[in-house]
Amino acid sequence: MKITLQLEELAMLGLGIYAFNCLSYPWWLFLALFLVPDIGMLGYSINTKIGAACYNLFHHKGLAILIYFSGVFGNNEILQLSGSILFAHAAFDRILGYGLKFEKGFKFTHLGEIGKKN
């Protein structure tokens, strides 16, 4: 099942890359912005509850889709850029096993415990 989920996330990463490719931005910008959603980890410097909420906000694919399509319907390429980066980044994180976080701590995710052999 793990391989199936990773392949599904790989397809979503491809979709995020495709969405970015449809925009008029240079490719170096995709690479420069790809890790920006990890800024959500800064919430962990306050406590695990705020950390999980911030991390999950910046890694929620539903929110990424909402932002992207807000840009499509509003003819706003910056929103489309933001949505495609958030979506691609979240998919990439899930390929690596970094899921949405529980308040219990950073390593506790909806995909299981990070670092624990399943």
N, C-alpha and C. Protein backbone atom coordinates (compact mmCIF):
# COMPACT_ATOMS: atom_id res chain seq x y z
N MET A 1 0.82 -1.20 0.00
CA MET A 1 0.00 0.00 0.00
C MET A 1 0.86 1.25 0.00
N LYS A 2 2.00 1.20 0.71
CA LYS A 2 2.87 2.37 0.80
C LYS A 2 3.34 2.79 -0.60
N ILE A 3 3.72 1.82 -1.43
CA ILE A 3 4.19 2.13 -2.79
C ILE A 3 3.05 2.74 -3.60
N THR A 4 1.86 2.22 -3.45
CA THR A 4 0.70 2.75 -4.18
C THR A 4 0.45 4.21 -3.81
N LEU A 5 0.52 4.52 -2.52
CA LEU A 5 0.33 5.90 -2.07
C LEU A 5 1.45 6.81 -2.59
N GLN A 6 2.67 6.31 -2.59
CA GLN A 6 3.78 7.11 -3.10
C GLN A 6 3.62 7.38 -4.60
N LEU A 7 3.16 6.39 -5.34
CA LEU A 7 2.93 6.59 -6.77
C LEU A 7 1.82 7.60 -7.03
N GLU A 8 0.79 7.55 -6.19
CA GLU A 8 -0.30 8.51 -6.31
C GLU A 8 0.22 9.93 -6.03
N GLU A 9 1.04 10.07 -5.01
CA GLU A 9 1.62 11.38 -4.69
C GLU A 9 2.59 11.84 -5.78
N LEU A 10 3.30 10.91 -6.40
CA LEU A 10 4.18 11.25 -7.51
C LEU A 10 3.37 11.82 -8.67
N ALA A 11 2.21 11.23 -8.94
CA ALA A 11 1.32 11.76 -9.98
C ALA A 11 0.85 13.16 -9.63
N MET A 12 0.55 13.39 -8.34
CA MET A 12 0.12 14.73 -7.92
C MET A 12 1.26 15.73 -8.00
N LEU A 13 2.48 15.30 -7.70
CA LEU A 13 3.64 16.17 -7.87
C LEU A 13 3.76 16.56 -9.34
N GLY A 14 3.58 15.59 -10.22
CA GLY A 14 3.60 15.87 -11.66
C GLY A 14 2.52 16.87 -12.06
N LEU A 15 1.35 16.75 -11.47
CA LEU A 15 0.26 17.69 -11.75
C LEU A 15 0.62 19.10 -11.29
N GLY A 16 1.24 19.21 -10.11
CA GLY A 16 1.67 20.52 -9.62
C GLY A 16 2.72 21.14 -10.53
N ILE A 17 3.64 20.31 -11.01
CA ILE A 17 4.67 20.79 -11.94
C ILE A 17 4.03 21.23 -13.25
N TYR A 18 3.07 20.45 -13.73
CA TYR A 18 2.36 20.82 -14.95
C TYR A 18 1.62 22.15 -14.78
N ALA A 19 0.96 22.32 -13.64
CA ALA A 19 0.23 23.57 -13.39
C ALA A 19 1.19 24.76 -13.39
N PHE A 20 2.37 24.58 -12.79
CA PHE A 20 3.37 25.64 -12.82
C PHE A 20 3.83 25.90 -14.25
N ASN A 21 4.03 24.84 -15.00
CA ASN A 21 4.52 24.97 -16.37
C ASN A 21 3.55 25.75 -17.26
N CYS A 22 2.29 25.76 -16.93
CA CYS A 22 1.28 26.49 -17.71
C CYS A 22 1.35 28.00 -17.46
N LEU A 23 2.12 28.40 -16.48
CA LEU A 23 2.25 29.81 -16.14
C LEU A 23 3.43 30.42 -16.89
N SER A 24 3.56 31.73 -16.80
CA SER A 24 4.60 32.42 -17.56
C SER A 24 5.89 32.64 -16.77
N TYR A 25 6.05 31.96 -15.65
CA TYR A 25 7.23 32.16 -14.81
C TYR A 25 8.38 31.26 -15.26
N PRO A 26 9.63 31.70 -15.01
CA PRO A 26 10.78 30.86 -15.36
C PRO A 26 10.91 29.68 -14.39
N TRP A 27 11.54 28.60 -14.84
CA TRP A 27 11.65 27.39 -14.04
C TRP A 27 12.46 27.56 -12.77
N TRP A 28 13.43 28.46 -12.80
CA TRP A 28 14.24 28.66 -11.60
C TRP A 28 13.36 29.12 -10.44
N LEU A 29 12.26 29.80 -10.74
CA LEU A 29 11.37 30.27 -9.67
C LEU A 29 10.69 29.10 -8.96
N PHE A 30 10.33 28.08 -9.72
CA PHE A 30 9.74 26.88 -9.11
C PHE A 30 10.73 26.28 -8.11
N LEU A 31 11.97 26.15 -8.54
CA LEU A 31 12.99 25.58 -7.67
C LEU A 31 13.26 26.47 -6.45
N ALA A 32 13.26 27.78 -6.67
CA ALA A 32 13.52 28.72 -5.58
C ALA A 32 12.40 28.71 -4.54
N LEU A 33 11.17 28.50 -4.98
CA LEU A 33 10.02 28.56 -4.07
C LEU A 33 9.58 27.21 -3.52
N PHE A 34 10.14 26.13 -4.05
CA PHE A 34 9.65 24.79 -3.74
C PHE A 34 9.67 24.47 -2.24
N LEU A 35 10.65 24.94 -1.52
CA LEU A 35 10.75 24.62 -0.09
C LEU A 35 10.13 25.69 0.82
N VAL A 36 9.61 26.76 0.24
CA VAL A 36 9.02 27.84 1.04
C VAL A 36 7.89 27.36 1.95
N PRO A 37 7.04 26.42 1.54
CA PRO A 37 5.98 25.98 2.46
C PRO A 37 6.49 25.40 3.78
N ASP A 38 7.76 24.99 3.82
CA ASP A 38 8.30 24.47 5.07
C ASP A 38 8.46 25.55 6.14
N ILE A 39 8.19 26.80 5.77
CA ILE A 39 8.19 27.87 6.77
C ILE A 39 7.15 27.58 7.87
N GLY A 40 6.18 26.76 7.54
CA GLY A 40 5.17 26.37 8.52
C GLY A 40 5.75 25.65 9.72
N MET A 41 6.95 25.10 9.59
CA MET A 41 7.59 24.41 10.71
C MET A 41 8.00 25.38 11.82
N LEU A 42 8.09 26.65 11.50
CA LEU A 42 8.49 27.64 12.51
C LEU A 42 7.52 27.68 13.69
N GLY A 43 6.28 27.27 13.46
CA GLY A 43 5.31 27.23 14.55
C GLY A 43 5.73 26.31 15.67
N TYR A 44 6.56 25.32 15.36
CA TYR A 44 7.05 24.40 16.39
C TYR A 44 7.97 25.10 17.39
N SER A 45 8.47 26.27 17.04
CA SER A 45 9.31 27.01 17.99
C SER A 45 8.46 27.58 19.13
N ILE A 46 7.15 27.63 18.94
CA ILE A 46 6.24 28.10 19.99
C ILE A 46 5.77 26.92 20.83
N ASN A 47 5.10 25.97 20.19
CA ASN A 47 4.70 24.73 20.84
C ASN A 47 4.19 23.76 19.78
N THR A 48 3.90 22.53 20.18
CA THR A 48 3.51 21.51 19.19
C THR A 48 2.12 21.76 18.61
N LYS A 49 1.23 22.35 19.38
CA LYS A 49 -0.12 22.62 18.88
C LYS A 49 -0.07 23.66 17.76
N ILE A 50 0.61 24.77 18.00
CA ILE A 50 0.74 25.81 16.97
C ILE A 50 1.59 25.30 15.82
N GLY A 51 2.62 24.53 16.13
CA GLY A 51 3.47 23.96 15.09
C GLY A 51 2.69 23.09 14.13
N ALA A 52 1.86 22.21 14.68
CA ALA A 52 1.06 21.32 13.84
C ALA A 52 0.07 22.12 12.99
N ALA A 53 -0.56 23.12 13.59
CA ALA A 53 -1.54 23.94 12.86
C ALA A 53 -0.86 24.70 11.72
N CYS A 54 0.29 25.31 11.99
CA CYS A 54 1.01 26.06 10.95
C CYS A 54 1.50 25.13 9.84
N TYR A 55 2.11 24.02 10.25
CA TYR A 55 2.62 23.06 9.26
C TYR A 55 1.47 22.56 8.38
N ASN A 56 0.37 22.16 8.99
CA ASN A 56 -0.76 21.63 8.24
C ASN A 56 -1.38 22.67 7.30
N LEU A 57 -1.39 23.92 7.72
CA LEU A 57 -1.90 24.99 6.86
C LEU A 57 -1.09 25.10 5.57
N PHE A 58 0.23 25.03 5.71
CA PHE A 58 1.12 25.17 4.55
C PHE A 58 1.29 23.88 3.75
N HIS A 59 0.69 22.79 4.21
CA HIS A 59 0.81 21.51 3.52
C HIS A 59 -0.54 20.86 3.21
N HIS A 60 -1.58 21.66 3.21
CA HIS A 60 -2.93 21.15 2.95
C HIS A 60 -3.22 21.27 1.45
N LYS A 61 -3.38 20.13 0.80
CA LYS A 61 -3.58 20.15 -0.66
C LYS A 61 -4.92 20.77 -1.04
N GLY A 62 -5.92 20.62 -0.20
CA GLY A 62 -7.21 21.25 -0.48
C GLY A 62 -7.10 22.77 -0.53
N LEU A 63 -6.35 23.32 0.41
CA LEU A 63 -6.11 24.76 0.42
C LEU A 63 -5.30 25.18 -0.81
N ALA A 64 -4.32 24.37 -1.18
CA ALA A 64 -3.51 24.66 -2.38
C ALA A 64 -4.40 24.71 -3.63
N ILE A 65 -5.33 23.78 -3.73
CA ILE A 65 -6.25 23.74 -4.88
C ILE A 65 -7.15 24.97 -4.86
N LEU A 66 -7.65 25.33 -3.69
CA LEU A 66 -8.50 26.52 -3.56
C LEU A 66 -7.74 27.78 -3.99
N ILE A 67 -6.51 27.91 -3.55
CA ILE A 67 -5.71 29.08 -3.93
C ILE A 67 -5.45 29.08 -5.43
N TYR A 68 -5.09 27.93 -5.99
CA TYR A 68 -4.81 27.84 -7.42
C TYR A 68 -6.04 28.24 -8.25
N PHE A 69 -7.20 27.65 -7.93
CA PHE A 69 -8.39 27.95 -8.72
C PHE A 69 -8.94 29.35 -8.47
N SER A 70 -8.65 29.91 -7.30
CA SER A 70 -8.97 31.33 -7.09
C SER A 70 -8.18 32.18 -8.09
N GLY A 71 -6.95 31.78 -8.32
CA GLY A 71 -6.12 32.47 -9.31
C GLY A 71 -6.60 32.25 -10.72
N VAL A 72 -7.07 31.05 -11.01
CA VAL A 72 -7.59 30.76 -12.36
C VAL A 72 -8.83 31.62 -12.62
N PHE A 73 -9.77 31.58 -11.71
CA PHE A 73 -11.02 32.30 -11.92
C PHE A 73 -10.86 33.81 -11.77
N GLY A 74 -9.87 34.23 -10.99
CA GLY A 74 -9.61 35.66 -10.82
C GLY A 74 -8.55 36.18 -11.77
N ASN A 75 -8.06 35.30 -12.66
CA ASN A 75 -7.03 35.66 -13.62
C ASN A 75 -5.81 36.28 -12.91
N ASN A 76 -5.36 35.60 -11.85
CA ASN A 76 -4.26 36.08 -11.03
C ASN A 76 -3.16 35.01 -11.01
N GLU A 77 -2.09 35.25 -11.75
CA GLU A 77 -1.01 34.25 -11.86
C GLU A 77 -0.25 34.06 -10.55
N ILE A 78 -0.22 35.05 -9.69
CA ILE A 78 0.49 34.88 -8.41
C ILE A 78 -0.23 33.84 -7.54
N LEU A 79 -1.56 33.89 -7.53
CA LEU A 79 -2.32 32.87 -6.80
C LEU A 79 -2.14 31.50 -7.43
N GLN A 80 -2.11 31.45 -8.75
CA GLN A 80 -1.88 30.17 -9.42
C GLN A 80 -0.49 29.63 -9.09
N LEU A 81 0.49 30.53 -9.08
CA LEU A 81 1.85 30.14 -8.72
C LEU A 81 1.87 29.60 -7.30
N SER A 82 1.28 30.32 -6.37
CA SER A 82 1.25 29.90 -4.97
C SER A 82 0.58 28.55 -4.81
N GLY A 83 -0.56 28.37 -5.44
CA GLY A 83 -1.29 27.11 -5.35
C GLY A 83 -0.52 25.94 -5.94
N SER A 84 0.13 26.17 -7.07
CA SER A 84 0.88 25.07 -7.70
C SER A 84 2.10 24.69 -6.86
N ILE A 85 2.77 25.66 -6.27
CA ILE A 85 3.92 25.37 -5.41
C ILE A 85 3.47 24.62 -4.16
N LEU A 86 2.41 25.11 -3.51
CA LEU A 86 1.92 24.44 -2.30
C LEU A 86 1.50 22.99 -2.60
N PHE A 87 0.81 22.80 -3.72
CA PHE A 87 0.33 21.47 -4.08
C PHE A 87 1.50 20.52 -4.38
N ALA A 88 2.44 20.98 -5.19
CA ALA A 88 3.59 20.15 -5.54
C ALA A 88 4.43 19.83 -4.31
N HIS A 89 4.64 20.82 -3.48
CA HIS A 89 5.45 20.61 -2.27
C HIS A 89 4.78 19.61 -1.33
N ALA A 90 3.48 19.74 -1.13
CA ALA A 90 2.77 18.82 -0.24
C ALA A 90 2.84 17.39 -0.78
N ALA A 91 2.70 17.23 -2.08
CA ALA A 91 2.79 15.90 -2.68
C ALA A 91 4.20 15.33 -2.48
N PHE A 92 5.22 16.15 -2.69
CA PHE A 92 6.60 15.71 -2.51
C PHE A 92 6.85 15.27 -1.06
N ASP A 93 6.37 16.05 -0.11
CA ASP A 93 6.53 15.69 1.29
C ASP A 93 5.88 14.35 1.59
N ARG A 94 4.72 14.11 1.03
CA ARG A 94 4.02 12.86 1.29
C ARG A 94 4.74 11.67 0.64
N ILE A 95 5.41 11.90 -0.49
CA ILE A 95 6.23 10.84 -1.09
C ILE A 95 7.30 10.41 -0.09
N LEU A 96 7.86 11.39 0.62
CA LEU A 96 8.92 11.12 1.60
C LEU A 96 8.38 10.63 2.94
N GLY A 97 7.05 10.60 3.10
CA GLY A 97 6.45 10.12 4.33
C GLY A 97 6.10 11.19 5.34
N TYR A 98 6.23 12.46 4.95
CA TYR A 98 5.88 13.57 5.84
C TYR A 98 4.43 13.94 5.61
N GLY A 99 3.56 13.45 6.46
CA GLY A 99 2.15 13.74 6.33
C GLY A 99 1.74 14.93 7.17
N LEU A 100 0.44 15.17 7.21
CA LEU A 100 -0.09 16.22 8.08
C LEU A 100 0.16 15.83 9.53
N LYS A 101 0.44 16.82 10.35
CA LYS A 101 0.92 16.57 11.71
C LYS A 101 -0.21 16.53 12.74
N PHE A 102 0.02 15.69 13.75
CA PHE A 102 -0.83 15.68 14.94
C PHE A 102 -0.18 16.60 15.98
N GLU A 103 -0.96 17.08 16.92
CA GLU A 103 -0.46 17.98 17.96
C GLU A 103 0.54 17.31 18.89
N LYS A 104 0.61 16.02 18.86
CA LYS A 104 1.48 15.25 19.73
C LYS A 104 2.96 15.56 19.48
N GLY A 105 3.32 15.94 18.24
CA GLY A 105 4.70 16.25 17.91
C GLY A 105 4.95 16.14 16.42
N PHE A 106 6.08 16.66 15.97
CA PHE A 106 6.39 16.73 14.54
C PHE A 106 6.42 15.36 13.88
N LYS A 107 6.92 14.36 14.57
CA LYS A 107 7.08 13.06 13.92
C LYS A 107 5.80 12.23 13.86
N PHE A 108 4.71 12.74 14.42
CA PHE A 108 3.43 12.02 14.42
C PHE A 108 2.54 12.57 13.32
N THR A 109 2.34 11.78 12.25
CA THR A 109 1.61 12.25 11.08
C THR A 109 0.44 11.32 10.73
N HIS A 110 -0.39 11.79 9.82
CA HIS A 110 -1.50 10.96 9.38
C HIS A 110 -1.03 9.77 8.55
N LEU A 111 0.23 9.75 8.16
CA LEU A 111 0.81 8.63 7.42
C LEU A 111 1.55 7.66 8.34
N GLY A 112 1.58 7.96 9.62
CA GLY A 112 2.31 7.15 10.58
C GLY A 112 3.44 7.96 11.19
N GLU A 113 4.17 7.32 12.05
CA GLU A 113 5.27 7.99 12.75
C GLU A 113 6.49 8.08 11.84
N ILE A 114 7.06 9.28 11.72
CA ILE A 114 8.24 9.49 10.90
C ILE A 114 9.42 8.77 11.55
N GLY A 115 10.15 8.01 10.76
CA GLY A 115 11.32 7.31 11.25
C GLY A 115 11.03 5.90 11.76
N LYS A 116 9.77 5.57 11.95
CA LYS A 116 9.40 4.24 12.42
C LYS A 116 9.23 3.32 11.22
N LYS A 117 9.82 2.16 11.26
CA LYS A 117 9.69 1.18 10.18
C LYS A 117 8.30 0.57 10.22
N ASN A 118 7.58 0.67 9.08
CA ASN A 118 6.22 0.11 9.02
C ASN A 118 6.23 -1.25 8.40
